[in-house]
Amino acid sequence: AYDQVNSDIRDLLCARHMLRVGAEVKPIPALAIRAGYNFLSSGRRGV
């Protein structure tokens, strides 16, 4: 009964990846400067 929906899942979806990188610098004890980058893949096969 679930063959079609399971086939659609296998055909349309794939692994989704996320990468997060960040840094914080404190030039003086009271001040913090922050920066970050984030990558997120779609998780849809062929897209």
ModelCIF file with pLDDT and N, C-alpha, C, O atoms, coordinates in Angstrom:
data_MODEL
#
_entry.id   MODEL 
#
_entity.id                         1 
_entity.type                       polymer 
_entity.pdbx_number_of_molecules   1 
#
_entity_poly.entity_id                      1 
_entity_poly.type                           'polypeptide(L)' 
_entity_poly.nstd_linkage                   no 
_entity_poly.nstd_monomer                   no 
_entity_poly.pdbx_seq_one_letter_code       AYDQVNSDIRDLLCARHMLRVGAEVKPIPALAIRAGYNFLSSGRRGV 
_entity_poly.pdbx_seq_one_letter_code_can   AYDQVNSDIRDLLCARHMLRVGAEVKPIPALAIRAGYNFLSSGRRGV 
_entity_poly.pdbx_strand_id                 A 
#
loop_
_entity_poly_seq.entity_id 
_entity_poly_seq.num 
_entity_poly_seq.mon_id 
_entity_poly_seq.hetero 
1 1  ALA n 
1 2  TYR n 
1 3  ASP n 
1 4  GLN n 
1 5  VAL n 
1 6  ASN n 
1 7  SER n 
1 8  ASP n 
1 9  ILE n 
1 10 ARG n 
1 11 ASP n 
1 12 LEU n 
1 13 LEU n 
1 14 CYS n 
1 15 ALA n 
1 16 ARG n 
1 17 HIS n 
1 18 MET n 
1 19 LEU n 
1 20 ARG n 
1 21 VAL n 
1 22 GLY n 
1 23 ALA n 
1 24 GLU n 
1 25 VAL n 
1 26 LYS n 
1 27 PRO n 
1 28 ILE n 
1 29 PRO n 
1 30 ALA n 
1 31 LEU n 
1 32 ALA n 
1 33 ILE n 
1 34 ARG n 
1 35 ALA n 
1 36 GLY n 
1 37 TYR n 
1 38 ASN n 
1 39 PHE n 
1 40 LEU n 
1 41 SER n 
1 42 SER n 
1 43 GLY n 
1 44 ARG n 
1 45 ARG n 
1 46 GLY n 
1 47 VAL n 
#
_struct_asym.id          A 
_struct_asym.entity_id   1 
#
loop_
_ma_qa_metric.id 
_ma_qa_metric.mode 
_ma_qa_metric.name 
_ma_qa_metric.software_group_id 
_ma_qa_metric.type 
1 global pLDDT . pLDDT 
2 local  pLDDT . pLDDT 
#
_ma_qa_metric_global.metric_id      1 
_ma_qa_metric_global.metric_value   91.17 
_ma_qa_metric_global.model_id       1 
_ma_qa_metric_global.ordinal_id     1 
#
loop_
_ma_qa_metric_local.label_asym_id 
_ma_qa_metric_local.label_comp_id 
_ma_qa_metric_local.label_seq_id 
_ma_qa_metric_local.metric_id 
_ma_qa_metric_local.metric_value 
_ma_qa_metric_local.model_id 
_ma_qa_metric_local.ordinal_id 
A ALA 1  2 85.00 1 1  
A TYR 2  2 89.00 1 2  
A ASP 3  2 90.00 1 3  
A GLN 4  2 90.00 1 4  
A VAL 5  2 90.00 1 5  
A ASN 6  2 90.00 1 6  
A SER 7  2 90.00 1 7  
A ASP 8  2 89.00 1 8  
A ILE 9  2 88.00 1 9  
A ARG 10 2 88.00 1 10 
A ASP 11 2 88.00 1 11 
A LEU 12 2 88.00 1 12 
A LEU 13 2 88.00 1 13 
A CYS 14 2 88.00 1 14 
A ALA 15 2 89.00 1 15 
A ARG 16 2 90.00 1 16 
A HIS 17 2 93.00 1 17 
A MET 18 2 95.00 1 18 
A LEU 19 2 97.00 1 19 
A ARG 20 2 97.00 1 20 
A VAL 21 2 98.00 1 21 
A GLY 22 2 97.00 1 22 
A ALA 23 2 97.00 1 23 
A GLU 24 2 97.00 1 24 
A VAL 25 2 97.00 1 25 
A LYS 26 2 94.00 1 26 
A PRO 27 2 93.00 1 27 
A ILE 28 2 92.00 1 28 
A PRO 29 2 90.00 1 29 
A ALA 30 2 93.00 1 30 
A LEU 31 2 95.00 1 31 
A ALA 32 2 96.00 1 32 
A ILE 33 2 97.00 1 33 
A ARG 34 2 97.00 1 34 
A ALA 35 2 98.00 1 35 
A GLY 36 2 97.00 1 36 
A TYR 37 2 97.00 1 37 
A ASN 38 2 96.00 1 38 
A PHE 39 2 95.00 1 39 
A LEU 40 2 92.00 1 40 
A SER 41 2 90.00 1 41 
A SER 42 2 85.00 1 42 
A GLY 43 2 83.00 1 43 
A ARG 44 2 83.00 1 44 
A ARG 45 2 81.00 1 45 
A GLY 46 2 77.00 1 46 
A VAL 47 2 76.00 1 47 
#
loop_
_atom_site.group_PDB 
_atom_site.id 
_atom_site.type_symbol 
_atom_site.label_atom_id 
_atom_site.label_alt_id 
_atom_site.label_comp_id 
_atom_site.label_asym_id 
_atom_site.label_entity_id 
_atom_site.label_seq_id 
_atom_site.pdbx_PDB_ins_code 
_atom_site.Cartn_x 
_atom_site.Cartn_y 
_atom_site.Cartn_z 
_atom_site.occupancy 
_atom_site.B_iso_or_equiv 
_atom_site.pdbx_formal_charge 
_atom_site.auth_seq_id 
_atom_site.auth_comp_id 
_atom_site.auth_asym_id 
_atom_site.auth_atom_id 
_atom_site.pdbx_PDB_model_num 
ATOM 1   N N  . ALA A 1 1  ? 0.826  -1.208 0.000   1.00 85.00 ? 1  ALA A N  1 
ATOM 2   C CA . ALA A 1 1  ? 0.000  0.000  0.000   1.00 85.00 ? 1  ALA A CA 1 
ATOM 3   C C  . ALA A 1 1  ? 0.863  1.263  0.000   1.00 85.00 ? 1  ALA A C  1 
ATOM 4   O O  . ALA A 1 1  ? 0.403  2.333  -0.397  1.00 85.00 ? 1  ALA A O  1 
ATOM 5   N N  . TYR A 1 2  ? 2.098  1.136  0.440   1.00 89.00 ? 2  TYR A N  1 
ATOM 6   C CA . TYR A 1 2  ? 2.990  2.288  0.511   1.00 89.00 ? 2  TYR A CA 1 
ATOM 7   C C  . TYR A 1 2  ? 4.083  2.261  -0.550  1.00 89.00 ? 2  TYR A C  1 
ATOM 8   O O  . TYR A 1 2  ? 5.019  3.057  -0.486  1.00 89.00 ? 2  TYR A O  1 
ATOM 9   N N  . ASP A 1 3  ? 3.981  1.354  -1.532  1.00 90.00 ? 3  ASP A N  1 
ATOM 10  C CA . ASP A 1 3  ? 5.015  1.257  -2.559  1.00 90.00 ? 3  ASP A CA 1 
ATOM 11  C C  . ASP A 1 3  ? 5.222  2.570  -3.303  1.00 90.00 ? 3  ASP A C  1 
ATOM 12  O O  . ASP A 1 3  ? 6.361  2.989  -3.510  1.00 90.00 ? 3  ASP A O  1 
ATOM 13  N N  . GLN A 1 4  ? 4.134  3.225  -3.708  1.00 90.00 ? 4  GLN A N  1 
ATOM 14  C CA . GLN A 1 4  ? 4.264  4.448  -4.496  1.00 90.00 ? 4  GLN A CA 1 
ATOM 15  C C  . GLN A 1 4  ? 4.883  5.584  -3.687  1.00 90.00 ? 4  GLN A C  1 
ATOM 16  O O  . GLN A 1 4  ? 5.800  6.250  -4.169  1.00 90.00 ? 4  GLN A O  1 
ATOM 17  N N  . VAL A 1 5  ? 4.405  5.816  -2.477  1.00 90.00 ? 5  VAL A N  1 
ATOM 18  C CA . VAL A 1 5  ? 4.958  6.909  -1.671  1.00 90.00 ? 5  VAL A CA 1 
ATOM 19  C C  . VAL A 1 5  ? 6.413  6.624  -1.305  1.00 90.00 ? 5  VAL A C  1 
ATOM 20  O O  . VAL A 1 5  ? 7.225  7.549  -1.284  1.00 90.00 ? 5  VAL A O  1 
ATOM 21  N N  . ASN A 1 6  ? 6.765  5.372  -1.018  1.00 90.00 ? 6  ASN A N  1 
ATOM 22  C CA . ASN A 1 6  ? 8.152  5.029  -0.714  1.00 90.00 ? 6  ASN A CA 1 
ATOM 23  C C  . ASN A 1 6  ? 9.044  5.187  -1.948  1.00 90.00 ? 6  ASN A C  1 
ATOM 24  O O  . ASN A 1 6  ? 10.196 5.607  -1.837  1.00 90.00 ? 6  ASN A O  1 
ATOM 25  N N  . SER A 1 7  ? 8.507  4.848  -3.122  1.00 90.00 ? 7  SER A N  1 
ATOM 26  C CA . SER A 1 7  ? 9.242  5.055  -4.364  1.00 90.00 ? 7  SER A CA 1 
ATOM 27  C C  . SER A 1 7  ? 9.474  6.546  -4.613  1.00 90.00 ? 7  SER A C  1 
ATOM 28  O O  . SER A 1 7  ? 10.563 6.944  -5.027  1.00 90.00 ? 7  SER A O  1 
ATOM 29  N N  . ASP A 1 8  ? 8.456  7.369  -4.362  1.00 89.00 ? 8  ASP A N  1 
ATOM 30  C CA . ASP A 1 8  ? 8.599  8.822  -4.522  1.00 89.00 ? 8  ASP A CA 1 
ATOM 31  C C  . ASP A 1 8  ? 9.663  9.374  -3.577  1.00 89.00 ? 8  ASP A C  1 
ATOM 32  O O  . ASP A 1 8  ? 10.450 10.236 -3.968  1.00 89.00 ? 8  ASP A O  1 
ATOM 33  N N  . ILE A 1 9  ? 9.693  8.893  -2.352  1.00 88.00 ? 9  ILE A N  1 
ATOM 34  C CA . ILE A 1 9  ? 10.707 9.344  -1.384  1.00 88.00 ? 9  ILE A CA 1 
ATOM 35  C C  . ILE A 1 9  ? 12.101 9.012  -1.900  1.00 88.00 ? 9  ILE A C  1 
ATOM 36  O O  . ILE A 1 9  ? 12.991 9.862  -1.877  1.00 88.00 ? 9  ILE A O  1 
ATOM 37  N N  . ARG A 1 10 ? 12.296 7.767  -2.370  1.00 88.00 ? 10 ARG A N  1 
ATOM 38  C CA . ARG A 1 10 ? 13.616 7.357  -2.878  1.00 88.00 ? 10 ARG A CA 1 
ATOM 39  C C  . ARG A 1 10 ? 14.017 8.157  -4.116  1.00 88.00 ? 10 ARG A C  1 
ATOM 40  O O  . ARG A 1 10 ? 15.183 8.519  -4.272  1.00 88.00 ? 10 ARG A O  1 
ATOM 41  N N  . ASP A 1 11 ? 13.040 8.436  -5.004  1.00 88.00 ? 11 ASP A N  1 
ATOM 42  C CA . ASP A 1 11 ? 13.342 9.123  -6.264  1.00 88.00 ? 11 ASP A CA 1 
ATOM 43  C C  . ASP A 1 11 ? 13.529 10.631 -6.103  1.00 88.00 ? 11 ASP A C  1 
ATOM 44  O O  . ASP A 1 11 ? 14.300 11.236 -6.847  1.00 88.00 ? 11 ASP A O  1 
ATOM 45  N N  . LEU A 1 12 ? 12.843 11.240 -5.152  1.00 88.00 ? 12 LEU A N  1 
ATOM 46  C CA . LEU A 1 12 ? 12.838 12.703 -5.053  1.00 88.00 ? 12 LEU A CA 1 
ATOM 47  C C  . LEU A 1 12 ? 13.745 13.273 -3.965  1.00 88.00 ? 12 LEU A C  1 
ATOM 48  O O  . LEU A 1 12 ? 14.193 14.415 -4.075  1.00 88.00 ? 12 LEU A O  1 
ATOM 49  N N  . LEU A 1 13 ? 14.020 12.498 -2.920  1.00 88.00 ? 13 LEU A N  1 
ATOM 50  C CA . LEU A 1 13 ? 14.775 13.042 -1.788  1.00 88.00 ? 13 LEU A CA 1 
ATOM 51  C C  . LEU A 1 13 ? 16.158 12.413 -1.692  1.00 88.00 ? 13 LEU A C  1 
ATOM 52  O O  . LEU A 1 13 ? 16.361 11.260 -2.074  1.00 88.00 ? 13 LEU A O  1 
ATOM 53  N N  . CYS A 1 14 ? 17.095 13.185 -1.179  1.00 88.00 ? 14 CYS A N  1 
ATOM 54  C CA . CYS A 1 14 ? 18.444 12.687 -0.933  1.00 88.00 ? 14 CYS A CA 1 
ATOM 55  C C  . CYS A 1 14 ? 18.949 13.322 0.368   1.00 88.00 ? 14 CYS A C  1 
ATOM 56  O O  . CYS A 1 14 ? 18.205 14.017 1.060   1.00 88.00 ? 14 CYS A O  1 
ATOM 57  N N  . ALA A 1 15 ? 20.183 13.083 0.678   1.00 89.00 ? 15 ALA A N  1 
ATOM 58  C CA . ALA A 1 15 ? 20.743 13.619 1.918   1.00 89.00 ? 15 ALA A CA 1 
ATOM 59  C C  . ALA A 1 15 ? 20.786 15.147 1.864   1.00 89.00 ? 15 ALA A C  1 
ATOM 60  O O  . ALA A 1 15 ? 21.045 15.745 0.820   1.00 89.00 ? 15 ALA A O  1 
ATOM 61  N N  . ARG A 1 16 ? 20.529 15.749 3.007   1.00 90.00 ? 16 ARG A N  1 
ATOM 62  C CA . ARG A 1 16 ? 20.592 17.204 3.147   1.00 90.00 ? 16 ARG A CA 1 
ATOM 63  C C  . ARG A 1 16 ? 21.785 17.526 4.039   1.00 90.00 ? 16 ARG A C  1 
ATOM 64  O O  . ARG A 1 16 ? 21.945 16.948 5.114   1.00 90.00 ? 16 ARG A O  1 
ATOM 65  N N  . HIS A 1 17 ? 22.616 18.451 3.583   1.00 93.00 ? 17 HIS A N  1 
ATOM 66  C CA . HIS A 1 17 ? 23.848 18.787 4.291   1.00 93.00 ? 17 HIS A CA 1 
ATOM 67  C C  . HIS A 1 17 ? 23.793 20.219 4.808   1.00 93.00 ? 17 HIS A C  1 
ATOM 68  O O  . HIS A 1 17 ? 23.258 21.110 4.148   1.00 93.00 ? 17 HIS A O  1 
ATOM 69  N N  . MET A 1 18 ? 24.348 20.426 5.988   1.00 95.00 ? 18 MET A N  1 
ATOM 70  C CA . MET A 1 18 ? 24.468 21.775 6.542   1.00 95.00 ? 18 MET A CA 1 
ATOM 71  C C  . MET A 1 18 ? 25.862 21.916 7.138   1.00 95.00 ? 18 MET A C  1 
ATOM 72  O O  . MET A 1 18 ? 26.337 21.052 7.874   1.00 95.00 ? 18 MET A O  1 
ATOM 73  N N  . LEU A 1 19 ? 26.503 23.029 6.798   1.00 97.00 ? 19 LEU A N  1 
ATOM 74  C CA . LEU A 1 19 ? 27.809 23.347 7.350   1.00 97.00 ? 19 LEU A CA 1 
ATOM 75  C C  . LEU A 1 19 ? 27.727 24.727 7.983   1.00 97.00 ? 19 LEU A C  1 
ATOM 76  O O  . LEU A 1 19 ? 27.271 25.679 7.350   1.00 97.00 ? 19 LEU A O  1 
ATOM 77  N N  . ARG A 1 20 ? 28.167 24.835 9.226   1.00 97.00 ? 20 ARG A N  1 
ATOM 78  C CA . ARG A 1 20 ? 28.185 26.110 9.941   1.00 97.00 ? 20 ARG A CA 1 
ATOM 79  C C  . ARG A 1 20 ? 29.605 26.351 10.458  1.00 97.00 ? 20 ARG A C  1 
ATOM 80  O O  . ARG A 1 20 ? 30.216 25.474 11.068  1.00 97.00 ? 20 ARG A O  1 
ATOM 81  N N  . VAL A 1 21 ? 30.113 27.558 10.200  1.00 98.00 ? 21 VAL A N  1 
ATOM 82  C CA . VAL A 1 21 ? 31.444 27.947 10.666  1.00 98.00 ? 21 VAL A CA 1 
ATOM 83  C C  . VAL A 1 21 ? 31.308 29.308 11.336  1.00 98.00 ? 21 VAL A C  1 
ATOM 84  O O  . VAL A 1 21 ? 30.648 30.201 10.804  1.00 98.00 ? 21 VAL A O  1 
ATOM 85  N N  . GLY A 1 22 ? 31.920 29.468 12.485  1.00 97.00 ? 22 GLY A N  1 
ATOM 86  C CA . GLY A 1 22 ? 31.814 30.744 13.186  1.00 97.00 ? 22 GLY A CA 1 
ATOM 87  C C  . GLY A 1 22 ? 33.076 31.076 13.958  1.00 97.00 ? 22 GLY A C  1 
ATOM 88  O O  . GLY A 1 22 ? 33.886 30.208 14.282  1.00 97.00 ? 22 GLY A O  1 
ATOM 89  N N  . ALA A 1 23 ? 33.215 32.368 14.243  1.00 97.00 ? 23 ALA A N  1 
ATOM 90  C CA . ALA A 1 23 ? 34.370 32.834 15.014  1.00 97.00 ? 23 ALA A CA 1 
ATOM 91  C C  . ALA A 1 23 ? 33.954 34.025 15.868  1.00 97.00 ? 23 ALA A C  1 
ATOM 92  O O  . ALA A 1 23 ? 33.066 34.794 15.501  1.00 97.00 ? 23 ALA A O  1 
ATOM 93  N N  . GLU A 1 24 ? 34.609 34.157 17.002  1.00 97.00 ? 24 GLU A N  1 
ATOM 94  C CA . GLU A 1 24 ? 34.407 35.308 17.885  1.00 97.00 ? 24 GLU A CA 1 
ATOM 95  C C  . GLU A 1 24 ? 35.774 35.768 18.359  1.00 97.00 ? 24 GLU A C  1 
ATOM 96  O O  . GLU A 1 24 ? 36.612 34.963 18.766  1.00 97.00 ? 24 GLU A O  1 
ATOM 97  N N  . VAL A 1 25 ? 35.984 37.073 18.301  1.00 97.00 ? 25 VAL A N  1 
ATOM 98  C CA . VAL A 1 25 ? 37.242 37.670 18.753  1.00 97.00 ? 25 VAL A CA 1 
ATOM 99  C C  . VAL A 1 25 ? 36.893 38.699 19.817  1.00 97.00 ? 25 VAL A C  1 
ATOM 100 O O  . VAL A 1 25 ? 35.932 39.454 19.668  1.00 97.00 ? 25 VAL A O  1 
ATOM 101 N N  . LYS A 1 26 ? 37.682 38.728 20.896  1.00 94.00 ? 26 LYS A N  1 
ATOM 102 C CA . LYS A 1 26 ? 37.488 39.714 21.969  1.00 94.00 ? 26 LYS A CA 1 
ATOM 103 C C  . LYS A 1 26 ? 38.744 40.579 22.061  1.00 94.00 ? 26 LYS A C  1 
ATOM 104 O O  . LYS A 1 26 ? 39.676 40.248 22.794  1.00 94.00 ? 26 LYS A O  1 
ATOM 105 N N  . PRO A 1 27 ? 38.768 41.693 21.312  1.00 93.00 ? 27 PRO A N  1 
ATOM 106 C CA . PRO A 1 27 ? 39.963 42.550 21.366  1.00 93.00 ? 27 PRO A CA 1 
ATOM 107 C C  . PRO A 1 27 ? 40.168 43.176 22.744  1.00 93.00 ? 27 PRO A C  1 
ATOM 108 O O  . PRO A 1 27 ? 41.302 43.415 23.160  1.00 93.00 ? 27 PRO A O  1 
ATOM 109 N N  . ILE A 1 28 ? 39.062 43.442 23.451  1.00 92.00 ? 28 ILE A N  1 
ATOM 110 C CA . ILE A 1 28 ? 39.101 43.874 24.848  1.00 92.00 ? 28 ILE A CA 1 
ATOM 111 C C  . ILE A 1 28 ? 38.069 43.042 25.580  1.00 92.00 ? 28 ILE A C  1 
ATOM 112 O O  . ILE A 1 28 ? 37.132 42.559 24.944  1.00 92.00 ? 28 ILE A O  1 
ATOM 113 N N  . PRO A 1 29 ? 38.193 42.849 26.886  1.00 90.00 ? 29 PRO A N  1 
ATOM 114 C CA . PRO A 1 29 ? 37.290 41.953 27.600  1.00 90.00 ? 29 PRO A CA 1 
ATOM 115 C C  . PRO A 1 29 ? 35.804 42.297 27.475  1.00 90.00 ? 29 PRO A C  1 
ATOM 116 O O  . PRO A 1 29 ? 34.963 41.400 27.543  1.00 90.00 ? 29 PRO A O  1 
ATOM 117 N N  . ALA A 1 30 ? 35.468 43.562 27.296  1.00 93.00 ? 30 ALA A N  1 
ATOM 118 C CA . ALA A 1 30 ? 34.057 43.954 27.261  1.00 93.00 ? 30 ALA A CA 1 
ATOM 119 C C  . ALA A 1 30 ? 33.432 43.868 25.869  1.00 93.00 ? 30 ALA A C  1 
ATOM 120 O O  . ALA A 1 30 ? 32.213 43.991 25.748  1.00 93.00 ? 30 ALA A O  1 
ATOM 121 N N  . LEU A 1 31 ? 34.228 43.662 24.809  1.00 95.00 ? 31 LEU A N  1 
ATOM 122 C CA . LEU A 1 31 ? 33.716 43.707 23.440  1.00 95.00 ? 31 LEU A CA 1 
ATOM 123 C C  . LEU A 1 31 ? 33.984 42.387 22.718  1.00 95.00 ? 31 LEU A C  1 
ATOM 124 O O  . LEU A 1 31 ? 35.095 41.856 22.753  1.00 95.00 ? 31 LEU A O  1 
ATOM 125 N N  . ALA A 1 32 ? 32.946 41.871 22.065  1.00 96.00 ? 32 ALA A N  1 
ATOM 126 C CA . ALA A 1 32 ? 33.069 40.650 21.260  1.00 96.00 ? 32 ALA A CA 1 
ATOM 127 C C  . ALA A 1 32 ? 32.649 40.962 19.831  1.00 96.00 ? 32 ALA A C  1 
ATOM 128 O O  . ALA A 1 32 ? 31.615 41.590 19.602  1.00 96.00 ? 32 ALA A O  1 
ATOM 129 N N  . ILE A 1 33 ? 33.453 40.523 18.876  1.00 97.00 ? 33 ILE A N  1 
ATOM 130 C CA . ILE A 1 33 ? 33.151 40.673 17.450  1.00 97.00 ? 33 ILE A CA 1 
ATOM 131 C C  . ILE A 1 33 ? 32.940 39.267 16.898  1.00 97.00 ? 33 ILE A C  1 
ATOM 132 O O  . ILE A 1 33 ? 33.790 38.392 17.063  1.00 97.00 ? 33 ILE A O  1 
ATOM 133 N N  . ARG A 1 34 ? 31.791 39.055 16.236  1.00 97.00 ? 34 ARG A N  1 
ATOM 134 C CA . ARG A 1 34 ? 31.424 37.712 15.778  1.00 97.00 ? 34 ARG A CA 1 
ATOM 135 C C  . ARG A 1 34 ? 31.177 37.697 14.272  1.00 97.00 ? 34 ARG A C  1 
ATOM 136 O O  . ARG A 1 34 ? 30.745 38.694 13.693  1.00 97.00 ? 34 ARG A O  1 
ATOM 137 N N  . ALA A 1 35 ? 31.460 36.545 13.642  1.00 98.00 ? 35 ALA A N  1 
ATOM 138 C CA . ALA A 1 35 ? 31.153 36.341 12.229  1.00 98.00 ? 35 ALA A CA 1 
ATOM 139 C C  . ALA A 1 35 ? 30.840 34.871 12.025  1.00 98.00 ? 35 ALA A C  1 
ATOM 140 O O  . ALA A 1 35 ? 31.363 34.010 12.731  1.00 98.00 ? 35 ALA A O  1 
ATOM 141 N N  . GLY A 1 36 ? 29.981 34.591 11.052  1.00 97.00 ? 36 GLY A N  1 
ATOM 142 C CA . GLY A 1 36 ? 29.619 33.211 10.785  1.00 97.00 ? 36 GLY A CA 1 
ATOM 143 C C  . GLY A 1 36 ? 29.211 32.994 9.343   1.00 97.00 ? 36 GLY A C  1 
ATOM 144 O O  . GLY A 1 36 ? 28.857 33.933 8.631   1.00 97.00 ? 36 GLY A O  1 
ATOM 145 N N  . TYR A 1 37 ? 29.267 31.743 8.927   1.00 97.00 ? 37 TYR A N  1 
ATOM 146 C CA . TYR A 1 37 ? 28.856 31.329 7.588   1.00 97.00 ? 37 TYR A CA 1 
ATOM 147 C C  . TYR A 1 37 ? 28.044 30.054 7.719   1.00 97.00 ? 37 TYR A C  1 
ATOM 148 O O  . TYR A 1 37 ? 28.349 29.203 8.555   1.00 97.00 ? 37 TYR A O  1 
ATOM 149 N N  . ASN A 1 38 ? 27.004 29.918 6.892   1.00 96.00 ? 38 ASN A N  1 
ATOM 150 C CA . ASN A 1 38 ? 26.131 28.746 6.926   1.00 96.00 ? 38 ASN A CA 1 
ATOM 151 C C  . ASN A 1 38 ? 25.833 28.307 5.498   1.00 96.00 ? 38 ASN A C  1 
ATOM 152 O O  . ASN A 1 38 ? 25.507 29.140 4.651   1.00 96.00 ? 38 ASN A O  1 
ATOM 153 N N  . PHE A 1 39 ? 25.939 27.016 5.222   1.00 95.00 ? 39 PHE A N  1 
ATOM 154 C CA . PHE A 1 39 ? 25.593 26.428 3.933   1.00 95.00 ? 39 PHE A CA 1 
ATOM 155 C C  . PHE A 1 39 ? 24.531 25.362 4.169   1.00 95.00 ? 39 PHE A C  1 
ATOM 156 O O  . PHE A 1 39 ? 24.654 24.557 5.092   1.00 95.00 ? 39 PHE A O  1 
ATOM 157 N N  . LEU A 1 40 ? 23.489 25.351 3.341   1.00 92.00 ? 40 LEU A N  1 
ATOM 158 C CA . LEU A 1 40 ? 22.418 24.363 3.458   1.00 92.00 ? 40 LEU A CA 1 
ATOM 159 C C  . LEU A 1 40 ? 22.047 23.857 2.081   1.00 92.00 ? 40 LEU A C  1 
ATOM 160 O O  . LEU A 1 40 ? 21.626 24.634 1.224   1.00 92.00 ? 40 LEU A O  1 
ATOM 161 N N  . SER A 1 41 ? 22.200 22.544 1.856   1.00 90.00 ? 41 SER A N  1 
ATOM 162 C CA . SER A 1 41 ? 21.808 21.968 0.570   1.00 90.00 ? 41 SER A CA 1 
ATOM 163 C C  . SER A 1 41 ? 20.308 21.688 0.569   1.00 90.00 ? 41 SER A C  1 
ATOM 164 O O  . SER A 1 41 ? 19.673 21.690 1.624   1.00 90.00 ? 41 SER A O  1 
ATOM 165 N N  . SER A 1 42 ? 19.748 21.449 -0.604  1.00 85.00 ? 42 SER A N  1 
ATOM 166 C CA . SER A 1 42 ? 18.292 21.363 -0.736  1.00 85.00 ? 42 SER A CA 1 
ATOM 167 C C  . SER A 1 42 ? 17.704 20.062 -0.209  1.00 85.00 ? 42 SER A C  1 
ATOM 168 O O  . SER A 1 42 ? 16.615 20.088 0.364   1.00 85.00 ? 42 SER A O  1 
ATOM 169 N N  . GLY A 1 43 ? 18.363 18.944 -0.375  1.00 83.00 ? 43 GLY A N  1 
ATOM 170 C CA . GLY A 1 43 ? 17.792 17.663 0.028   1.00 83.00 ? 43 GLY A CA 1 
ATOM 171 C C  . GLY A 1 43 ? 16.862 17.061 -1.016  1.00 83.00 ? 43 GLY A C  1 
ATOM 172 O O  . GLY A 1 43 ? 16.260 16.014 -0.781  1.00 83.00 ? 43 GLY A O  1 
ATOM 173 N N  . ARG A 1 44 ? 16.740 17.721 -2.175  1.00 83.00 ? 44 ARG A N  1 
ATOM 174 C CA . ARG A 1 44 ? 15.920 17.185 -3.265  1.00 83.00 ? 44 ARG A CA 1 
ATOM 175 C C  . ARG A 1 44 ? 16.850 16.686 -4.364  1.00 83.00 ? 44 ARG A C  1 
ATOM 176 O O  . ARG A 1 44 ? 17.755 17.400 -4.796  1.00 83.00 ? 44 ARG A O  1 
ATOM 177 N N  . ARG A 1 45 ? 16.625 15.475 -4.802  1.00 81.00 ? 45 ARG A N  1 
ATOM 178 C CA . ARG A 1 45 ? 17.473 14.860 -5.814  1.00 81.00 ? 45 ARG A CA 1 
ATOM 179 C C  . ARG A 1 45 ? 17.382 15.630 -7.135  1.00 81.00 ? 45 ARG A C  1 
ATOM 180 O O  . ARG A 1 45 ? 16.285 15.938 -7.600  1.00 81.00 ? 45 ARG A O  1 
ATOM 181 N N  . GLY A 1 46 ? 18.533 15.941 -7.737  1.00 77.00 ? 46 GLY A N  1 
ATOM 182 C CA . GLY A 1 46 ? 18.582 16.615 -9.020  1.00 77.00 ? 46 GLY A CA 1 
ATOM 183 C C  . GLY A 1 46 ? 18.299 18.102 -8.967  1.00 77.00 ? 46 GLY A C  1 
ATOM 184 O O  . GLY A 1 46 ? 18.238 18.750 -10.012 1.00 77.00 ? 46 GLY A O  1 
ATOM 185 N N  . VAL A 1 47 ? 18.124 18.660 -7.783  1.00 76.00 ? 47 VAL A N  1 
ATOM 186 C CA . VAL A 1 47 ? 17.846 20.095 -7.648  1.00 76.00 ? 47 VAL A CA 1 
ATOM 187 C C  . VAL A 1 47 ? 19.034 20.742 -6.955  1.00 76.00 ? 47 VAL A C  1 
ATOM 188 O O  . VAL A 1 47 ? 19.033 21.952 -6.729  1.00 76.00 ? 47 VAL A O  1 
#
